[in-house]
């Protein structure tokens, strides 16, 4: 069985924009990547693309 370390678990719950733990989750549509709500809201005002996969966010 595969095991995840605490660091890997923390990485899974960290916002890639601010690198902090996601406090209020927002999911980008259509790709499904997760971000902190405030971070992605601010991000799409400047650039309406997913920071990870560059797909247009709806």
PDB file of N, CA and C in Angstrom:
ATOM      1  N   UNK A   1       0.827  -1.202   0.000  1.00  0.00           N
ATOM      2  CA  UNK A   1       0.000   0.000   0.000  1.00  0.00           C
ATOM      3  C   UNK A   1       0.866   1.259   0.000  1.00  0.00           C
ATOM      4  N   UNK A   2       0.393   2.279  -0.680  1.00  0.00           N
ATOM      5  CA  UNK A   2       1.161   3.521  -0.711  1.00  0.00           C
ATOM      6  C   UNK A   2       0.838   4.366   0.512  1.00  0.00           C
ATOM      7  N   UNK A   3       1.839   5.035   1.006  1.00  0.00           N
ATOM      8  CA  UNK A   3       1.667   5.894   2.170  1.00  0.00           C
ATOM      9  C   UNK A   3       2.107   7.299   1.785  1.00  0.00           C
ATOM     10  N   UNK A   4       1.412   8.279   2.310  1.00  0.00           N
ATOM     11  CA  UNK A   4       1.817   9.652   2.054  1.00  0.00           C
ATOM     12  C   UNK A   4       2.405  10.241   3.322  1.00  0.00           C
ATOM     13  N   UNK A   5       3.433  11.024   3.153  1.00  0.00           N
ATOM     14  CA  UNK A   5       4.057  11.666   4.302  1.00  0.00           C
ATOM     15  C   UNK A   5       3.259  12.903   4.688  1.00  0.00           C
ATOM     16  N   UNK A   6       3.534  13.422   5.868  1.00  0.00           N
ATOM     17  CA  UNK A   6       2.869  14.653   6.317  1.00  0.00           C
ATOM     18  C   UNK A   6       3.181  15.796   5.349  1.00  0.00           C
ATOM     19  N   UNK A   7       4.401  15.848   4.839  1.00  0.00           N
ATOM     20  CA  UNK A   7       4.782  16.900   3.893  1.00  0.00           C
ATOM     21  C   UNK A   7       3.972  16.787   2.609  1.00  0.00           C
ATOM     22  N   UNK A   8       3.777  15.559   2.125  1.00  0.00           N
ATOM     23  CA  UNK A   8       2.985  15.361   0.906  1.00  0.00           C
ATOM     24  C   UNK A   8       1.529  15.730   1.150  1.00  0.00           C
ATOM     25  N   UNK A   9       0.995  15.396   2.321  1.00  0.00           N
ATOM     26  CA  UNK A   9      -0.385  15.750   2.639  1.00  0.00           C
ATOM     27  C   UNK A   9      -0.543  17.258   2.712  1.00  0.00           C
ATOM     28  N   UNK A  10       0.406  17.938   3.335  1.00  0.00           N
ATOM     29  CA  UNK A  10       0.358  19.391   3.439  1.00  0.00           C
ATOM     30  C   UNK A  10       0.448  20.021   2.057  1.00  0.00           C
ATOM     31  N   UNK A  11       1.268  19.444   1.188  1.00  0.00           N
ATOM     32  CA  UNK A  11       1.414  19.943  -0.169  1.00  0.00           C
ATOM     33  C   UNK A  11       0.091  19.840  -0.919  1.00  0.00           C
ATOM     34  N   UNK A  12      -0.650  18.769  -0.684  1.00  0.00           N
ATOM     35  CA  UNK A  12      -1.931  18.573  -1.350  1.00  0.00           C
ATOM     36  C   UNK A  12      -2.960  19.613  -0.922  1.00  0.00           C
ATOM     37  N   UNK A  13      -2.837  20.157   0.283  1.00  0.00           N
ATOM     38  CA  UNK A  13      -3.807  21.123   0.773  1.00  0.00           C
ATOM     39  C   UNK A  13      -3.292  22.553   0.698  1.00  0.00           C
ATOM     40  N   UNK A  14      -2.126  22.761   0.095  1.00  0.00           N
ATOM     41  CA  UNK A  14      -1.558  24.100  -0.028  1.00  0.00           C
ATOM     42  C   UNK A  14      -2.003  24.741  -1.343  1.00  0.00           C
ATOM     43  N   UNK A  15      -2.301  26.018  -1.263  1.00  0.00           N
ATOM     44  CA  UNK A  15      -2.638  26.798  -2.450  1.00  0.00           C
ATOM     45  C   UNK A  15      -1.351  27.055  -3.228  1.00  0.00           C
ATOM     46  N   UNK A  16      -1.346  26.764  -4.527  1.00  0.00           N
ATOM     47  CA  UNK A  16      -0.133  26.963  -5.319  1.00  0.00           C
ATOM     48  C   UNK A  16       0.150  28.440  -5.586  1.00  0.00           C
ATOM     49  N   UNK A  17      -0.818  29.290  -5.347  1.00  0.00           N
ATOM     50  CA  UNK A  17      -0.613  30.724  -5.557  1.00  0.00           C
ATOM     51  C   UNK A  17       0.121  31.340  -4.366  1.00  0.00           C
ATOM     52  N   UNK A  18      -0.370  31.084  -3.150  1.00  0.00           N
ATOM     53  CA  UNK A  18       0.226  31.702  -1.956  1.00  0.00           C
ATOM     54  C   UNK A  18       1.112  30.751  -1.153  1.00  0.00           C
ATOM     55  N   UNK A  19       1.064  29.462  -1.468  1.00  0.00           N
ATOM     56  CA  UNK A  19       1.842  28.427  -0.772  1.00  0.00           C
ATOM     57  C   UNK A  19       1.414  28.220   0.679  1.00  0.00           C
ATOM     58  N   UNK A  20       0.248  28.717   1.054  1.00  0.00           N
ATOM     59  CA  UNK A  20      -0.289  28.531   2.399  1.00  0.00           C
ATOM     60  C   UNK A  20      -1.376  27.460   2.351  1.00  0.00           C
ATOM     61  N   UNK A  21      -1.750  26.954   3.519  1.00  0.00           N
ATOM     62  CA  UNK A  21      -2.842  25.993   3.605  1.00  0.00           C
ATOM     63  C   UNK A  21      -4.127  26.653   3.115  1.00  0.00           C
ATOM     64  N   UNK A  22      -4.899  25.928   2.334  1.00  0.00           N
ATOM     65  CA  UNK A  22      -6.161  26.458   1.814  1.00  0.00           C
ATOM     66  C   UNK A  22      -7.143  26.608   2.963  1.00  0.00           C
ATOM     67  N   UNK A  23      -7.584  27.851   3.194  1.00  0.00           N
ATOM     68  CA  UNK A  23      -8.526  28.100   4.286  1.00  0.00           C
ATOM     69  C   UNK A  23      -9.969  28.041   3.793  1.00  0.00           C
ATOM     70  N   UNK A  24     -10.202  28.551   2.589  1.00  0.00           N
ATOM     71  CA  UNK A  24     -11.538  28.493   1.985  1.00  0.00           C
ATOM     72  C   UNK A  24     -11.345  28.036   0.545  1.00  0.00           C
ATOM     73  N   UNK A  25     -11.695  26.780   0.281  1.00  0.00           N
ATOM     74  CA  UNK A  25     -11.398  26.154  -1.009  1.00  0.00           C
ATOM     75  C   UNK A  25     -12.290  26.664  -2.131  1.00  0.00           C
ATOM     76  N   UNK A  26     -11.649  26.917  -3.270  1.00  0.00           N
ATOM     77  CA  UNK A  26     -12.352  27.229  -4.509  1.00  0.00           C
ATOM     78  C   UNK A  26     -11.807  26.281  -5.572  1.00  0.00           C
ATOM     79  N   UNK A  27     -12.686  25.775  -6.413  1.00  0.00           N
ATOM     80  CA  UNK A  27     -12.288  24.837  -7.458  1.00  0.00           C
ATOM     81  C   UNK A  27     -12.456  25.521  -8.810  1.00  0.00           C
ATOM     82  N   UNK A  28     -11.373  25.555  -9.576  1.00  0.00           N
ATOM     83  CA  UNK A  28     -11.407  26.171 -10.906  1.00  0.00           C
ATOM     84  C   UNK A  28     -12.210  25.280 -11.850  1.00  0.00           C
ATOM     85  N   UNK A  29     -13.028  25.921 -12.678  1.00  0.00           N
ATOM     86  CA  UNK A  29     -13.827  25.193 -13.652  1.00  0.00           C
ATOM     87  C   UNK A  29     -13.289  25.543 -15.034  1.00  0.00           C
ATOM     88  N   UNK A  30     -13.039  24.624 -15.908  1.00  0.00           N
ATOM     89  CA  UNK A  30     -13.438  23.221 -15.920  1.00  0.00           C
ATOM     90  C   UNK A  30     -12.370  22.244 -15.427  1.00  0.00           C
ATOM     91  N   UNK A  31     -11.175  22.708 -15.085  1.00  0.00           N
ATOM     92  CA  UNK A  31     -10.072  21.776 -14.801  1.00  0.00           C
ATOM     93  C   UNK A  31     -10.133  21.106 -13.429  1.00  0.00           C
ATOM     94  N   UNK A  32     -10.752  21.751 -12.442  1.00  0.00           N
ATOM     95  CA  UNK A  32     -10.893  21.137 -11.127  1.00  0.00           C
ATOM     96  C   UNK A  32      -9.740  21.366 -10.163  1.00  0.00           C
ATOM     97  N   UNK A  33      -8.755  22.179 -10.527  1.00  0.00           N
ATOM     98  CA  UNK A  33      -7.660  22.464  -9.600  1.00  0.00           C
ATOM     99  C   UNK A  33      -8.181  23.303  -8.431  1.00  0.00           C
ATOM    100  N   UNK A  34      -7.630  23.051  -7.250  1.00  0.00           N
ATOM    101  CA  UNK A  34      -8.105  23.710  -6.030  1.00  0.00           C
ATOM    102  C   UNK A  34      -7.155  24.809  -5.586  1.00  0.00           C
ATOM    103  N   UNK A  35      -7.750  25.919  -5.151  1.00  0.00           N
ATOM    104  CA  UNK A  35      -7.003  27.089  -4.693  1.00  0.00           C
ATOM    105  C   UNK A  35      -7.707  27.680  -3.484  1.00  0.00           C
ATOM    106  N   UNK A  36      -6.996  28.576  -2.795  1.00  0.00           N
ATOM    107  CA  UNK A  36      -7.639  29.367  -1.761  1.00  0.00           C
ATOM    108  C   UNK A  36      -8.560  30.357  -2.484  1.00  0.00           C
ATOM    109  N   UNK A  37      -9.763  30.533  -1.984  1.00  0.00           N
ATOM    110  CA  UNK A  37     -10.782  31.348  -2.649  1.00  0.00           C
ATOM    111  C   UNK A  37     -10.285  32.758  -2.978  1.00  0.00           C
ATOM    112  N   UNK A  38      -9.715  33.443  -1.997  1.00  0.00           N
ATOM    113  CA  UNK A  38      -9.262  34.818  -2.214  1.00  0.00           C
ATOM    114  C   UNK A  38      -8.133  34.867  -3.246  1.00  0.00           C
ATOM    115  N   UNK A  39      -7.233  33.904  -3.191  1.00  0.00           N
ATOM    116  CA  UNK A  39      -6.110  33.874  -4.141  1.00  0.00           C
ATOM    117  C   UNK A  39      -6.585  33.744  -5.580  1.00  0.00           C
ATOM    118  N   UNK A  40      -7.463  32.792  -5.841  1.00  0.00           N
ATOM    119  CA  UNK A  40      -7.891  32.570  -7.226  1.00  0.00           C
ATOM    120  C   UNK A  40      -8.794  33.704  -7.704  1.00  0.00           C
ATOM    121  N   UNK A  41      -9.567  34.284  -6.792  1.00  0.00           N
ATOM    122  CA  UNK A  41     -10.409  35.422  -7.147  1.00  0.00           C
ATOM    123  C   UNK A  41      -9.535  36.589  -7.608  1.00  0.00           C
ATOM    124  N   UNK A  42      -8.478  36.863  -6.873  1.00  0.00           N
ATOM    125  CA  UNK A  42      -7.537  37.926  -7.232  1.00  0.00           C
ATOM    126  C   UNK A  42      -6.808  37.581  -8.526  1.00  0.00           C
ATOM    127  N   UNK A  43      -6.410  36.321  -8.661  1.00  0.00           N
ATOM    128  CA  UNK A  43      -5.660  35.863  -9.844  1.00  0.00           C
ATOM    129  C   UNK A  43      -6.461  36.073 -11.126  1.00  0.00           C
ATOM    130  N   UNK A  44      -7.731  35.644 -11.138  1.00  0.00           N
ATOM    131  CA  UNK A  44      -8.519  35.704 -12.379  1.00  0.00           C
ATOM    132  C   UNK A  44      -8.867  37.131 -12.785  1.00  0.00           C
ATOM    133  N   UNK A  45      -8.802  38.074 -11.849  1.00  0.00           N
ATOM    134  CA  UNK A  45      -9.019  39.474 -12.222  1.00  0.00           C
ATOM    135  C   UNK A  45      -7.904  39.953 -13.145  1.00  0.00           C
ATOM    136  N   UNK A  46      -6.706  39.428 -12.950  1.00  0.00           N
ATOM    137  CA  UNK A  46      -5.547  39.810 -13.751  1.00  0.00           C
ATOM    138  C   UNK A  46      -5.387  38.897 -14.964  1.00  0.00           C
ATOM    139  N   UNK A  47      -5.548  37.592 -14.736  1.00  0.00           N
ATOM    140  CA  UNK A  47      -5.324  36.603 -15.792  1.00  0.00           C
ATOM    141  C   UNK A  47      -6.318  35.459 -15.611  1.00  0.00           C
ATOM    142  N   UNK A  48      -7.363  35.377 -16.429  1.00  0.00           N
ATOM    143  CA  UNK A  48      -8.403  34.361 -16.237  1.00  0.00           C
ATOM    144  C   UNK A  48      -8.019  32.959 -16.726  1.00  0.00           C
ATOM    145  N   UNK A  49      -6.810  32.534 -16.366  1.00  0.00           N
ATOM    146  CA  UNK A  49      -6.327  31.202 -16.724  1.00  0.00           C
ATOM    147  C   UNK A  49      -5.921  30.464 -15.459  1.00  0.00           C
ATOM    148  N   UNK A  50      -6.106  29.163 -15.447  1.00  0.00           N
ATOM    149  CA  UNK A  50      -5.678  28.343 -14.322  1.00  0.00           C
ATOM    150  C   UNK A  50      -4.160  28.469 -14.174  1.00  0.00           C
ATOM    151  N   UNK A  51      -3.658  28.784 -12.971  1.00  0.00           N
ATOM    152  CA  UNK A  51      -2.213  28.903 -12.770  1.00  0.00           C
ATOM    153  C   UNK A  51      -1.453  27.602 -13.030  1.00  0.00           C
ATOM    154  N   UNK A  52      -2.111  26.471 -12.908  1.00  0.00           N
ATOM    155  CA  UNK A  52      -1.433  25.189 -13.107  1.00  0.00           C
ATOM    156  C   UNK A  52      -1.461  24.703 -14.547  1.00  0.00           C
ATOM    157  N   UNK A  53      -2.631  24.694 -15.166  1.00  0.00           N
ATOM    158  CA  UNK A  53      -2.732  24.086 -16.501  1.00  0.00           C
ATOM    159  C   UNK A  53      -3.032  25.087 -17.616  1.00  0.00           C
ATOM    160  N   UNK A  54      -3.231  26.347 -17.260  1.00  0.00           N
ATOM    161  CA  UNK A  54      -3.433  27.448 -18.223  1.00  0.00           C
ATOM    162  C   UNK A  54      -4.733  27.379 -19.024  1.00  0.00           C
ATOM    163  N   UNK A  55      -5.675  26.547 -18.608  1.00  0.00           N
ATOM    164  CA  UNK A  55      -6.976  26.507 -19.268  1.00  0.00           C
ATOM    165  C   UNK A  55      -7.776  27.739 -18.817  1.00  0.00           C
ATOM    166  N   UNK A  56      -8.639  28.255 -19.690  1.00  0.00           N
ATOM    167  CA  UNK A  56      -9.468  29.406 -19.346  1.00  0.00           C
ATOM    168  C   UNK A  56     -10.436  29.026 -18.228  1.00  0.00           C
ATOM    169  N   UNK A  57     -10.483  29.849 -17.191  1.00  0.00           N
ATOM    170  CA  UNK A  57     -11.371  29.600 -16.052  1.00  0.00           C
ATOM    171  C   UNK A  57     -12.698  30.283 -16.316  1.00  0.00           C
ATOM    172  N   UNK A  58     -13.775  29.546 -16.106  1.00  0.00           N
ATOM    173  CA  UNK A  58     -15.122  30.077 -16.326  1.00  0.00           C
ATOM    174  C   UNK A  58     -15.666  30.681 -15.059  1.00  0.00           C
TER     175      UNK A  58
END
